[in-house]
Amino acid sequence: MEPRPVARPIVTIRYCVDCRWMLRAQWYQGELLQTFADDLGGVLLAPAHGGVFRVEVDTTTVWNRKTDGGFPDITELKRRVRDRVAPGRDLGHADRARS
């Protein structure tokens, strides 16, 4: 019997369709998949309404447009996702720019 693979985290990007934020959500999706290809089980786009733009790793919200103030800079979003899916992993220039 083969061992079951360990489930990798899923990132969900909830975006407001009324606000036309799908292209923004797709761009974040591509950036996260490129950076965390071996760490994620996928990045799901979930249409929503009411001005929602929220990024979740499994059930934990890592960015909420309404409480975090707008849309995340991609390096900040990558740091927040990294801290949940691959703590301690070096993000290269994104980590050095913060110092």
N, C-alpha and C. Protein backbone atom coordinates (compact mmCIF):
# COMPACT_ATOMS: atom_id res chain seq x y z
N MET A 1 0.83 -1.17 0.00
CA MET A 1 0.00 0.00 0.00
C MET A 1 0.88 1.25 0.00
N GLU A 2 0.64 2.17 -0.92
CA GLU A 2 1.43 3.40 -1.01
C GLU A 2 0.94 4.41 0.02
N PRO A 3 1.87 5.19 0.59
CA PRO A 3 1.43 6.21 1.55
C PRO A 3 0.64 7.30 0.84
N ARG A 4 -0.34 7.84 1.57
CA ARG A 4 -1.15 8.93 1.01
C ARG A 4 -0.31 10.20 0.97
N PRO A 5 -0.42 10.95 -0.12
CA PRO A 5 0.34 12.20 -0.19
C PRO A 5 -0.19 13.19 0.84
N VAL A 6 0.71 14.02 1.36
CA VAL A 6 0.31 15.05 2.32
C VAL A 6 -0.44 16.14 1.56
N ALA A 7 -1.59 16.51 2.09
CA ALA A 7 -2.38 17.56 1.44
C ALA A 7 -1.65 18.89 1.55
N ARG A 8 -1.53 19.57 0.42
CA ARG A 8 -0.91 20.89 0.42
C ARG A 8 -1.99 21.95 0.55
N PRO A 9 -1.66 23.10 1.13
CA PRO A 9 -2.66 24.15 1.34
C PRO A 9 -3.23 24.68 0.03
N ILE A 10 -4.47 25.11 0.11
CA ILE A 10 -5.16 25.74 -1.03
C ILE A 10 -5.32 27.22 -0.70
N VAL A 11 -4.93 28.08 -1.64
CA VAL A 11 -5.18 29.51 -1.51
C VAL A 11 -6.47 29.81 -2.26
N THR A 12 -7.36 30.57 -1.63
CA THR A 12 -8.59 31.00 -2.27
C THR A 12 -8.57 32.52 -2.37
N ILE A 13 -8.80 33.02 -3.55
CA ILE A 13 -8.91 34.47 -3.76
C ILE A 13 -10.38 34.76 -4.07
N ARG A 14 -11.05 35.41 -3.14
CA ARG A 14 -12.45 35.82 -3.31
C ARG A 14 -12.45 37.24 -3.83
N TYR A 15 -13.10 37.45 -4.97
CA TYR A 15 -13.08 38.76 -5.62
C TYR A 15 -14.48 39.17 -6.04
N CYS A 16 -14.75 40.46 -6.00
CA CYS A 16 -16.07 40.99 -6.36
C CYS A 16 -16.20 41.05 -7.88
N VAL A 17 -17.20 40.33 -8.40
CA VAL A 17 -17.43 40.35 -9.85
C VAL A 17 -18.06 41.67 -10.28
N ASP A 18 -18.86 42.28 -9.40
CA ASP A 18 -19.50 43.56 -9.73
C ASP A 18 -18.46 44.67 -9.88
N CYS A 19 -17.36 44.55 -9.14
CA CYS A 19 -16.28 45.55 -9.18
C CYS A 19 -15.29 45.27 -10.31
N ARG A 20 -15.48 44.15 -10.97
CA ARG A 20 -14.61 43.73 -12.10
C ARG A 20 -13.16 43.50 -11.67
N TRP A 21 -13.00 42.77 -10.58
CA TRP A 21 -11.67 42.50 -10.05
C TRP A 21 -11.12 41.13 -10.44
N MET A 22 -11.75 40.48 -11.42
CA MET A 22 -11.29 39.16 -11.83
C MET A 22 -9.86 39.20 -12.39
N LEU A 23 -9.54 40.17 -13.25
CA LEU A 23 -8.20 40.21 -13.83
C LEU A 23 -7.13 40.41 -12.76
N ARG A 24 -7.43 41.23 -11.77
CA ARG A 24 -6.51 41.43 -10.65
C ARG A 24 -6.32 40.10 -9.90
N ALA A 25 -7.42 39.41 -9.64
CA ALA A 25 -7.36 38.13 -8.95
C ALA A 25 -6.55 37.11 -9.75
N GLN A 26 -6.72 37.11 -11.06
CA GLN A 26 -5.96 36.18 -11.91
C GLN A 26 -4.47 36.49 -11.87
N TRP A 27 -4.12 37.76 -11.83
CA TRP A 27 -2.71 38.13 -11.77
C TRP A 27 -2.09 37.64 -10.46
N TYR A 28 -2.77 37.89 -9.34
CA TYR A 28 -2.28 37.38 -8.05
C TYR A 28 -2.17 35.85 -8.09
N GLN A 29 -3.16 35.20 -8.70
CA GLN A 29 -3.15 33.74 -8.80
C GLN A 29 -1.89 33.26 -9.51
N GLY A 30 -1.58 33.86 -10.64
CA GLY A 30 -0.39 33.47 -11.40
C GLY A 30 0.90 33.70 -10.63
N GLU A 31 0.99 34.83 -9.94
CA GLU A 31 2.18 35.14 -9.15
C GLU A 31 2.38 34.12 -8.02
N LEU A 32 1.28 33.78 -7.34
CA LEU A 32 1.38 32.82 -6.24
C LEU A 32 1.73 31.42 -6.75
N LEU A 33 1.13 31.01 -7.86
CA LEU A 33 1.45 29.69 -8.42
C LEU A 33 2.90 29.62 -8.89
N GLN A 34 3.39 30.70 -9.47
CA GLN A 34 4.79 30.73 -9.93
C GLN A 34 5.75 30.62 -8.74
N THR A 35 5.46 31.34 -7.68
CA THR A 35 6.35 31.38 -6.53
C THR A 35 6.26 30.13 -5.66
N PHE A 36 5.05 29.60 -5.50
CA PHE A 36 4.83 28.49 -4.55
C PHE A 36 4.38 27.21 -5.25
N ALA A 37 4.89 26.95 -6.43
CA ALA A 37 4.45 25.80 -7.23
C ALA A 37 4.53 24.48 -6.47
N ASP A 38 5.56 24.30 -5.66
CA ASP A 38 5.75 23.03 -4.95
C ASP A 38 5.13 23.03 -3.56
N ASP A 39 4.62 24.16 -3.12
CA ASP A 39 4.11 24.29 -1.75
C ASP A 39 2.59 24.32 -1.67
N LEU A 40 1.92 24.62 -2.78
CA LEU A 40 0.46 24.77 -2.78
C LEU A 40 -0.24 23.64 -3.51
N GLY A 41 -1.43 23.36 -3.05
CA GLY A 41 -2.29 22.40 -3.76
C GLY A 41 -3.06 23.08 -4.88
N GLY A 42 -3.02 24.42 -4.91
CA GLY A 42 -3.69 25.18 -5.96
C GLY A 42 -4.08 26.55 -5.46
N VAL A 43 -4.49 27.39 -6.40
CA VAL A 43 -5.02 28.71 -6.09
C VAL A 43 -6.38 28.81 -6.76
N LEU A 44 -7.40 28.90 -5.94
CA LEU A 44 -8.79 28.90 -6.39
C LEU A 44 -9.31 30.33 -6.49
N LEU A 45 -9.96 30.65 -7.60
CA LEU A 45 -10.63 31.95 -7.74
C LEU A 45 -12.10 31.74 -7.43
N ALA A 46 -12.63 32.56 -6.49
CA ALA A 46 -14.02 32.41 -6.04
C ALA A 46 -14.75 33.72 -6.22
N PRO A 47 -15.68 33.80 -7.19
CA PRO A 47 -16.44 35.02 -7.39
C PRO A 47 -17.29 35.36 -6.18
N ALA A 48 -17.38 36.66 -5.89
CA ALA A 48 -18.17 37.14 -4.75
C ALA A 48 -18.82 38.47 -5.14
N HIS A 49 -19.52 39.07 -4.21
CA HIS A 49 -20.17 40.36 -4.42
C HIS A 49 -19.91 41.25 -3.21
N GLY A 50 -20.31 42.50 -3.31
CA GLY A 50 -20.23 43.39 -2.16
C GLY A 50 -18.86 43.98 -1.90
N GLY A 51 -18.04 44.13 -2.93
CA GLY A 51 -16.73 44.74 -2.74
C GLY A 51 -15.71 43.85 -2.06
N VAL A 52 -15.95 42.55 -2.08
CA VAL A 52 -15.05 41.59 -1.42
C VAL A 52 -13.78 41.39 -2.24
N PHE A 53 -12.65 41.46 -1.57
CA PHE A 53 -11.38 40.98 -2.13
C PHE A 53 -10.60 40.44 -0.95
N ARG A 54 -10.56 39.11 -0.85
CA ARG A 54 -9.97 38.44 0.30
C ARG A 54 -9.13 37.27 -0.18
N VAL A 55 -7.97 37.09 0.43
CA VAL A 55 -7.08 35.97 0.12
C VAL A 55 -6.98 35.10 1.36
N GLU A 56 -7.24 33.83 1.18
CA GLU A 56 -7.23 32.88 2.30
C GLU A 56 -6.29 31.72 1.99
N VAL A 57 -5.60 31.26 3.00
CA VAL A 57 -4.83 30.02 2.92
C VAL A 57 -5.60 29.02 3.76
N ASP A 58 -6.16 28.02 3.10
CA ASP A 58 -7.11 27.11 3.72
C ASP A 58 -8.21 27.96 4.37
N THR A 59 -8.33 27.97 5.68
CA THR A 59 -9.41 28.74 6.31
C THR A 59 -8.93 30.03 6.98
N THR A 60 -7.66 30.35 6.81
CA THR A 60 -7.09 31.55 7.43
C THR A 60 -7.00 32.69 6.43
N THR A 61 -7.58 33.83 6.75
CA THR A 61 -7.50 35.00 5.89
C THR A 61 -6.13 35.65 6.06
N VAL A 62 -5.41 35.83 4.94
CA VAL A 62 -4.10 36.49 4.98
C VAL A 62 -4.17 37.91 4.43
N TRP A 63 -5.23 38.24 3.69
CA TRP A 63 -5.44 39.61 3.22
C TRP A 63 -6.92 39.84 3.03
N ASN A 64 -7.40 40.97 3.57
CA ASN A 64 -8.80 41.36 3.40
C ASN A 64 -8.79 42.84 3.01
N ARG A 65 -9.26 43.14 1.82
CA ARG A 65 -9.23 44.51 1.30
C ARG A 65 -9.88 45.50 2.27
N LYS A 66 -10.96 45.08 2.90
CA LYS A 66 -11.70 46.00 3.77
C LYS A 66 -10.97 46.30 5.08
N THR A 67 -10.26 45.33 5.64
CA THR A 67 -9.57 45.56 6.91
C THR A 67 -8.09 45.88 6.75
N ASP A 68 -7.47 45.44 5.65
CA ASP A 68 -6.04 45.69 5.44
C ASP A 68 -5.79 46.94 4.60
N GLY A 69 -6.85 47.53 4.09
CA GLY A 69 -6.70 48.79 3.35
C GLY A 69 -6.31 48.63 1.90
N GLY A 70 -7.25 48.25 1.07
CA GLY A 70 -7.00 48.16 -0.37
C GLY A 70 -6.44 46.81 -0.78
N PHE A 71 -5.65 46.86 -1.84
CA PHE A 71 -5.09 45.63 -2.41
C PHE A 71 -3.64 45.48 -1.98
N PRO A 72 -3.20 44.24 -1.81
CA PRO A 72 -1.82 44.04 -1.33
C PRO A 72 -0.78 44.27 -2.42
N ASP A 73 0.36 44.77 -2.00
CA ASP A 73 1.53 44.74 -2.85
C ASP A 73 1.91 43.27 -2.99
N ILE A 74 2.34 42.85 -4.16
CA ILE A 74 2.58 41.42 -4.39
C ILE A 74 3.65 40.87 -3.44
N THR A 75 4.66 41.65 -3.10
CA THR A 75 5.68 41.12 -2.20
C THR A 75 5.11 40.90 -0.80
N GLU A 76 4.23 41.79 -0.34
CA GLU A 76 3.60 41.60 0.96
C GLU A 76 2.68 40.38 0.96
N LEU A 77 1.93 40.20 -0.12
CA LEU A 77 1.05 39.03 -0.21
C LEU A 77 1.87 37.75 -0.21
N LYS A 78 2.96 37.73 -0.96
CA LYS A 78 3.82 36.54 -0.98
C LYS A 78 4.39 36.24 0.40
N ARG A 79 4.78 37.27 1.14
CA ARG A 79 5.30 37.06 2.49
C ARG A 79 4.24 36.43 3.39
N ARG A 80 3.01 36.96 3.29
CA ARG A 80 1.93 36.45 4.14
C ARG A 80 1.57 35.01 3.79
N VAL A 81 1.55 34.69 2.50
CA VAL A 81 1.27 33.31 2.08
C VAL A 81 2.43 32.42 2.50
N ARG A 82 3.66 32.86 2.28
CA ARG A 82 4.84 32.08 2.67
C ARG A 82 4.81 31.74 4.14
N ASP A 83 4.45 32.72 4.98
CA ASP A 83 4.43 32.50 6.42
C ASP A 83 3.47 31.38 6.82
N ARG A 84 2.45 31.12 6.00
CA ARG A 84 1.49 30.05 6.27
C ARG A 84 1.87 28.73 5.63
N VAL A 85 2.47 28.76 4.41
CA VAL A 85 2.69 27.50 3.68
C VAL A 85 4.13 27.01 3.71
N ALA A 86 5.09 27.92 3.90
CA ALA A 86 6.51 27.52 3.89
C ALA A 86 7.31 28.44 4.80
N PRO A 87 7.01 28.44 6.11
CA PRO A 87 7.72 29.33 7.03
C PRO A 87 9.22 29.10 6.96
N GLY A 88 9.95 30.18 7.02
CA GLY A 88 11.41 30.07 6.96
C GLY A 88 11.97 30.08 5.56
N ARG A 89 11.13 29.93 4.57
CA ARG A 89 11.60 29.95 3.18
C ARG A 89 12.02 31.37 2.79
N ASP A 90 13.16 31.48 2.14
CA ASP A 90 13.66 32.77 1.68
C ASP A 90 12.97 33.14 0.37
N LEU A 91 12.42 34.34 0.33
CA LEU A 91 11.78 34.83 -0.90
C LEU A 91 12.73 35.68 -1.73
N GLY A 92 14.00 35.61 -1.44
CA GLY A 92 14.99 36.33 -2.23
C GLY A 92 14.85 37.83 -2.09
N HIS A 93 14.76 38.51 -3.21
CA HIS A 93 14.74 39.98 -3.21
C HIS A 93 13.55 40.54 -2.42
N ALA A 94 12.45 39.83 -2.36
CA ALA A 94 11.27 40.31 -1.62
C ALA A 94 11.57 40.41 -0.12
N ASP A 95 12.37 39.50 0.39
CA ASP A 95 12.74 39.56 1.81
C ASP A 95 13.82 40.61 2.06
N ARG A 96 14.77 40.73 1.14
CA ARG A 96 15.85 41.70 1.33
C ARG A 96 15.35 43.13 1.21
N ALA A 97 14.33 43.37 0.40
CA ALA A 97 13.79 44.72 0.22
C ALA A 97 13.13 45.23 1.49
N ARG A 98 12.71 44.34 2.34
CA ARG A 98 12.01 44.70 3.57
C ARG A 98 12.97 45.25 4.64
N SER A 99 14.23 44.85 4.58
CA SER A 99 15.22 45.25 5.59
C SER A 99 15.57 46.70 5.50
